[in-house]
Amino acid sequence: MLALATLLRTIPPPPFRNIDIGGVVLHGYGLVMGLAIVIAIAVAEWGLKRQHVDPSRFTGLALVSVVAGFIGARLYHVASEPSHFWNEPADIPKIWEGGLGIYGAVIAGAGVGLWLAPRFGIPRRAVADAATPALLIAQAIGRVGNYLNQELFGRPFDGAWALEVDPERRPVGYEDVATFHPTFLYEQLGTLALAIVFAVLLVRWSSRTPGILMPLYIAAYSFVRLLVEPLRIDDAHEWLGVRQNVWVAGVLLLAGLTVALFMRRRDPSRRP
């Protein structure tokens, strides 16, 4: 009974990290990312249909955006841990070991997607609105990969949902600590909640300014990061003693709200 109670009050380590099929190793992180991409494309196509936009050419645009997003995400992560990658440059391309910065993915992936959208015959603002719930769902699914890699957890914690971390995956200085905050789970739950909110807004907010969901998404997600980021203890570049991601989240929260307000005020349909 004691063992059962302990299991129920903690999150155990993942049962596997990679899958070996006949000598071929499938990285769990990569499988999760692939699933996230497929589902996100389907959700974005649904979002375009809800706006009465033909999504038949969207898959090609999405794949180009995904490639750009992966490059941007990895470069952002490398910039977040400069000392590690300066000493271990061979680790830079090892994305299967984790380490994708969502802000880099959004800036590069969404930027390239919006830039190229007209070439695929799709209105930029329709893509922006359709992408918001899709990106949030992809982020939520992607956090499962963080669990499989035992990464992006937070400070030591022994509460009801504490995460058990294998000794070899514990940070330096925390070798004797067994359980930590599952910060990836906190962010996953936050992004799932936001995905539902933005899907409802896409369907029900008929008077919205086209494209406004994208800056609102950036602001809302940045707010979630401001809540979660201070709990993390993984190595990260700091400015004035504050983690880089906290600064970025704060700036993007303000920027997203400012852009959304500007778009709303400039919306010709709201002028008398």
Protein backbone atom coordinates (compact mmCIF):
# COMPACT_ATOMS: atom_id res chain seq x y z
CA MET A 1 0.00 0.00 0.00
CA LEU A 2 2.84 2.36 0.82
CA ALA A 3 4.43 1.72 -2.58
CA LEU A 4 1.09 2.36 -4.32
CA ALA A 5 0.62 5.59 -2.39
CA THR A 6 4.11 6.74 -3.36
CA LEU A 7 3.43 5.97 -7.04
CA LEU A 8 0.17 7.93 -6.99
CA ARG A 9 1.75 11.00 -5.43
CA THR A 10 4.66 11.30 -7.86
CA ILE A 11 5.21 11.24 -11.62
CA PRO A 12 7.56 8.32 -12.37
CA PRO A 13 10.42 8.50 -14.88
CA PRO A 14 9.39 7.71 -18.47
CA PRO A 15 9.18 3.97 -19.29
CA PHE A 16 11.35 4.54 -22.38
CA ARG A 17 13.27 7.27 -24.14
CA ASN A 18 13.92 5.69 -27.51
CA ILE A 19 12.46 2.68 -29.33
CA ASP A 20 14.76 0.07 -30.87
CA ILE A 21 13.15 -1.82 -33.76
CA GLY A 22 15.47 -4.38 -35.30
CA GLY A 23 18.54 -2.27 -34.61
CA VAL A 24 16.89 0.91 -35.88
CA VAL A 25 16.60 3.46 -33.06
CA LEU A 26 13.55 5.70 -33.14
CA HIS A 27 14.03 8.71 -30.88
CA GLY A 28 10.97 9.32 -28.72
CA TYR A 29 11.50 13.07 -28.89
CA GLY A 30 11.47 12.99 -32.68
CA LEU A 31 8.34 10.82 -32.78
CA VAL A 32 6.54 13.26 -30.50
CA MET A 33 7.62 16.20 -32.66
CA GLY A 34 6.40 14.42 -35.78
CA LEU A 35 3.00 13.75 -34.19
CA ALA A 36 2.77 17.38 -33.08
CA ILE A 37 3.45 18.61 -36.62
CA VAL A 38 0.84 16.33 -38.23
CA ILE A 39 -1.86 17.31 -35.75
CA ALA A 40 -0.97 21.01 -35.94
CA ILE A 41 -1.28 21.01 -39.75
CA ALA A 42 -4.70 19.35 -39.47
CA VAL A 43 -5.86 21.91 -36.91
CA ALA A 44 -4.59 24.82 -39.02
CA GLU A 45 -6.43 23.47 -42.07
CA TRP A 46 -9.58 23.27 -39.95
CA GLY A 47 -8.99 26.88 -38.93
CA LEU A 48 -8.71 27.97 -42.56
CA LYS A 49 -11.95 26.18 -43.44
CA ARG A 50 -13.69 27.96 -40.57
CA GLN A 51 -12.65 31.20 -42.28
CA HIS A 52 -13.92 29.94 -45.66
CA VAL A 53 -10.39 29.73 -47.05
CA ASP A 54 -9.34 26.84 -49.31
CA PRO A 55 -6.62 24.87 -47.41
CA SER A 56 -5.63 22.65 -50.33
CA ARG A 57 -2.23 24.36 -50.75
CA PHE A 58 -1.55 24.83 -47.06
CA THR A 59 0.44 21.62 -46.50
CA GLY A 60 3.31 22.83 -48.67
CA LEU A 61 3.40 26.16 -46.87
CA ALA A 62 3.28 24.38 -43.51
CA LEU A 63 6.22 22.11 -44.32
CA VAL A 64 8.40 25.07 -45.34
CA SER A 65 7.40 26.83 -42.11
CA VAL A 66 8.21 23.73 -40.06
CA VAL A 67 11.74 23.56 -41.45
CA ALA A 68 12.26 27.25 -40.71
CA GLY A 69 10.74 26.75 -37.26
CA PHE A 70 13.11 23.91 -36.38
CA ILE A 71 16.12 25.96 -37.44
CA GLY A 72 14.93 28.99 -35.48
CA ALA A 73 14.07 26.88 -32.44
CA ARG A 74 17.49 25.26 -32.34
CA LEU A 75 19.36 28.53 -32.82
CA TYR A 76 17.34 30.12 -30.02
CA HIS A 77 18.19 27.22 -27.70
CA VAL A 78 21.87 27.45 -28.60
CA ALA A 79 21.78 31.17 -27.80
CA SER A 80 20.15 30.36 -24.45
CA GLU A 81 23.05 28.10 -23.40
CA PRO A 82 26.09 29.70 -25.06
CA SER A 83 28.70 28.30 -22.68
CA HIS A 84 27.66 24.67 -23.25
CA PHE A 85 27.56 24.86 -27.04
CA TRP A 86 30.76 26.93 -27.19
CA ASN A 87 32.56 24.08 -25.44
CA GLU A 88 30.61 21.32 -27.22
CA PRO A 89 29.85 22.57 -30.77
CA ALA A 90 29.20 19.00 -31.96
CA ASP A 91 26.02 19.04 -29.82
CA ILE A 92 24.42 21.84 -31.84
CA PRO A 93 22.69 19.61 -34.45
CA LYS A 94 21.56 16.98 -31.91
CA ILE A 95 17.93 18.06 -31.75
CA TRP A 96 16.85 14.50 -30.87
CA GLU A 97 18.31 15.12 -27.42
CA GLY A 98 15.89 18.01 -26.92
CA GLY A 99 16.58 21.69 -26.81
CA LEU A 100 14.16 23.56 -29.08
CA GLY A 101 13.28 27.12 -28.07
CA ILE A 102 9.63 27.81 -28.85
CA TYR A 103 10.22 31.53 -29.33
CA GLY A 104 12.76 30.80 -32.04
CA ALA A 105 10.29 28.42 -33.67
CA VAL A 106 7.48 30.98 -33.67
CA ILE A 107 9.64 33.86 -34.90
CA ALA A 108 11.24 31.85 -37.71
CA GLY A 109 8.41 29.46 -38.58
CA ALA A 110 5.51 31.89 -38.36
CA GLY A 111 7.56 34.65 -39.96
CA VAL A 112 8.44 32.53 -42.99
CA GLY A 113 4.90 31.15 -43.20
CA LEU A 114 3.27 34.58 -43.18
CA TRP A 115 5.80 35.92 -45.66
CA LEU A 116 5.20 33.09 -48.14
CA ALA A 117 1.44 32.68 -47.63
CA PRO A 118 0.38 34.86 -50.60
CA ARG A 119 2.62 32.81 -52.90
CA PHE A 120 0.53 29.79 -51.92
CA GLY A 121 -2.68 31.70 -52.56
CA ILE A 122 -3.61 31.98 -48.88
CA PRO A 123 -4.33 35.31 -47.12
CA ARG A 124 -1.71 36.13 -44.49
CA ARG A 125 -4.23 37.12 -41.83
CA ALA A 126 -6.24 33.95 -42.31
CA VAL A 127 -3.06 31.91 -41.80
CA ALA A 128 -2.22 33.92 -38.68
CA ASP A 129 -5.61 33.21 -37.10
CA ALA A 130 -5.68 29.54 -38.13
CA ALA A 131 -2.15 28.95 -36.82
CA THR A 132 -2.84 30.09 -33.25
CA PRO A 133 -4.70 27.03 -31.88
CA ALA A 134 -2.53 24.78 -34.08
CA LEU A 135 0.70 26.12 -32.60
CA LEU A 136 -0.61 25.82 -29.05
CA ILE A 137 -1.68 22.20 -29.55
CA ALA A 138 1.70 21.41 -31.12
CA GLN A 139 3.46 22.96 -28.12
CA ALA A 140 1.37 20.93 -25.70
CA ILE A 141 2.12 17.68 -27.52
CA GLY A 142 5.79 18.57 -27.80
CA ARG A 143 6.14 18.78 -24.01
CA VAL A 144 5.71 15.01 -23.90
CA GLY A 145 9.12 14.88 -25.57
CA ASN A 146 10.56 16.87 -22.66
CA TYR A 147 9.20 14.21 -20.30
CA LEU A 148 10.76 11.40 -22.34
CA ASN A 149 14.11 13.21 -22.32
CA GLN A 150 13.79 14.11 -18.64
CA GLU A 151 14.51 17.77 -19.28
CA LEU A 152 13.06 21.20 -18.55
CA PHE A 153 11.97 20.32 -15.04
CA GLY A 154 12.09 22.81 -12.22
CA ARG A 155 13.29 23.27 -8.68
CA PRO A 156 13.26 20.46 -6.08
CA PHE A 157 9.69 19.64 -5.07
CA ASP A 158 8.07 16.88 -3.04
CA GLY A 159 4.39 17.71 -3.49
CA ALA A 160 1.57 15.56 -4.84
CA TRP A 161 2.68 15.79 -8.47
CA ALA A 162 6.46 15.76 -8.00
CA LEU A 163 8.49 14.45 -10.93
CA GLU A 164 10.95 11.64 -10.29
CA VAL A 165 14.21 12.14 -12.20
CA ASP A 166 16.80 9.42 -12.76
CA PRO A 167 20.14 10.13 -11.03
CA GLU A 168 22.04 10.49 -14.31
CA ARG A 169 19.59 13.16 -15.54
CA ARG A 170 19.78 15.37 -12.45
CA PRO A 171 21.58 18.74 -12.73
CA VAL A 172 24.94 19.36 -11.12
CA GLY A 173 24.42 20.22 -7.48
CA TYR A 174 21.13 18.32 -7.29
CA GLU A 175 22.49 14.77 -7.44
CA ASP A 176 20.90 13.86 -4.10
CA VAL A 177 17.48 15.32 -4.98
CA ALA A 178 14.98 12.77 -6.25
CA THR A 179 11.91 14.82 -7.21
CA PHE A 180 11.38 18.16 -8.94
CA HIS A 181 8.68 20.49 -10.26
CA PRO A 182 7.35 19.14 -13.61
CA THR A 183 7.52 22.55 -15.25
CA PHE A 184 7.01 21.07 -18.72
CA LEU A 185 3.67 19.72 -17.46
CA TYR A 186 2.66 23.14 -16.12
CA GLU A 187 3.36 24.66 -19.51
CA GLN A 188 1.58 21.80 -21.27
CA LEU A 189 -1.60 22.36 -19.27
CA GLY A 190 -1.38 26.10 -19.86
CA THR A 191 -0.99 25.74 -23.62
CA LEU A 192 -3.82 23.20 -23.81
CA ALA A 193 -6.12 25.65 -22.02
CA LEU A 194 -5.05 28.43 -24.38
CA ALA A 195 -5.59 26.18 -27.41
CA ILE A 196 -9.21 25.71 -26.38
CA VAL A 197 -9.65 29.44 -25.78
CA PHE A 198 -8.20 30.40 -29.15
CA ALA A 199 -10.17 27.71 -31.00
CA VAL A 200 -13.34 29.17 -29.48
CA LEU A 201 -12.25 32.69 -30.43
CA LEU A 202 -11.56 31.55 -33.99
CA VAL A 203 -15.08 30.13 -34.27
CA ARG A 204 -17.15 32.53 -32.15
CA TRP A 205 -15.42 35.91 -32.36
CA SER A 206 -16.86 36.89 -35.73
CA SER A 207 -16.17 40.61 -35.29
CA ARG A 208 -12.45 40.17 -34.61
CA THR A 209 -9.87 42.00 -36.66
CA PRO A 210 -8.42 39.45 -39.13
CA GLY A 211 -5.02 38.23 -37.97
CA ILE A 212 -5.36 39.57 -34.43
CA LEU A 213 -5.23 36.11 -32.85
CA MET A 214 -1.51 35.78 -33.59
CA PRO A 215 -0.31 38.72 -31.45
CA LEU A 216 -2.82 37.76 -28.76
CA TYR A 217 -1.41 34.22 -28.80
CA ILE A 218 2.14 35.55 -28.41
CA ALA A 219 1.04 37.67 -25.45
CA ALA A 220 -0.96 34.89 -23.78
CA TYR A 221 1.74 32.27 -24.18
CA SER A 222 4.37 34.69 -22.90
CA PHE A 223 2.26 35.18 -19.77
CA VAL A 224 2.32 31.41 -19.21
CA ARG A 225 6.10 31.43 -19.58
CA LEU A 226 6.43 34.24 -17.07
CA LEU A 227 4.64 32.03 -14.54
CA VAL A 228 6.63 28.86 -15.28
CA GLU A 229 10.11 30.09 -16.15
CA PRO A 230 11.18 31.19 -12.62
CA LEU A 231 10.73 27.57 -11.45
CA ARG A 232 13.28 26.16 -13.90
CA ILE A 233 16.86 25.36 -12.89
CA ASP A 234 18.39 24.22 -16.20
CA ASP A 235 21.35 26.20 -17.53
CA ALA A 236 20.34 29.38 -19.33
CA HIS A 237 21.90 32.68 -20.26
CA GLU A 238 21.04 35.46 -17.80
CA TRP A 239 20.82 39.22 -18.15
CA LEU A 240 21.22 41.17 -14.91
CA GLY A 241 20.64 37.97 -12.95
CA VAL A 242 17.35 37.17 -14.72
CA ARG A 243 16.92 34.26 -17.15
CA GLN A 244 16.93 35.22 -20.80
CA ASN A 245 13.54 33.61 -21.36
CA VAL A 246 11.95 35.77 -18.66
CA TRP A 247 13.16 38.92 -20.41
CA VAL A 248 11.98 37.64 -23.79
CA ALA A 249 8.58 36.62 -22.40
CA GLY A 250 8.08 40.02 -20.79
CA VAL A 251 9.01 41.90 -23.95
CA LEU A 252 6.81 39.70 -26.15
CA LEU A 253 3.87 39.97 -23.75
CA LEU A 254 3.94 43.75 -24.09
CA ALA A 255 4.67 43.60 -27.81
CA GLY A 256 1.81 41.18 -28.49
CA LEU A 257 -0.72 43.32 -26.63
CA THR A 258 0.55 46.48 -28.31
CA VAL A 259 0.31 45.00 -31.80
CA ALA A 260 -3.17 43.61 -31.10
CA LEU A 261 -4.35 47.00 -29.84
CA PHE A 262 -2.83 48.74 -32.85
CA MET A 263 -4.51 46.30 -35.25
CA ARG A 264 -7.84 46.76 -33.52
CA ARG A 265 -7.63 50.53 -33.67
CA ARG A 266 -6.61 50.46 -37.34
CA ASP A 267 -9.36 48.03 -38.32
CA PRO A 268 -11.44 49.88 -40.95
CA SER A 269 -14.54 47.85 -40.09
CA ARG A 270 -14.61 49.46 -36.65
CA ARG A 271 -14.49 53.02 -37.94
CA PRO A 272 -17.79 54.96 -37.96
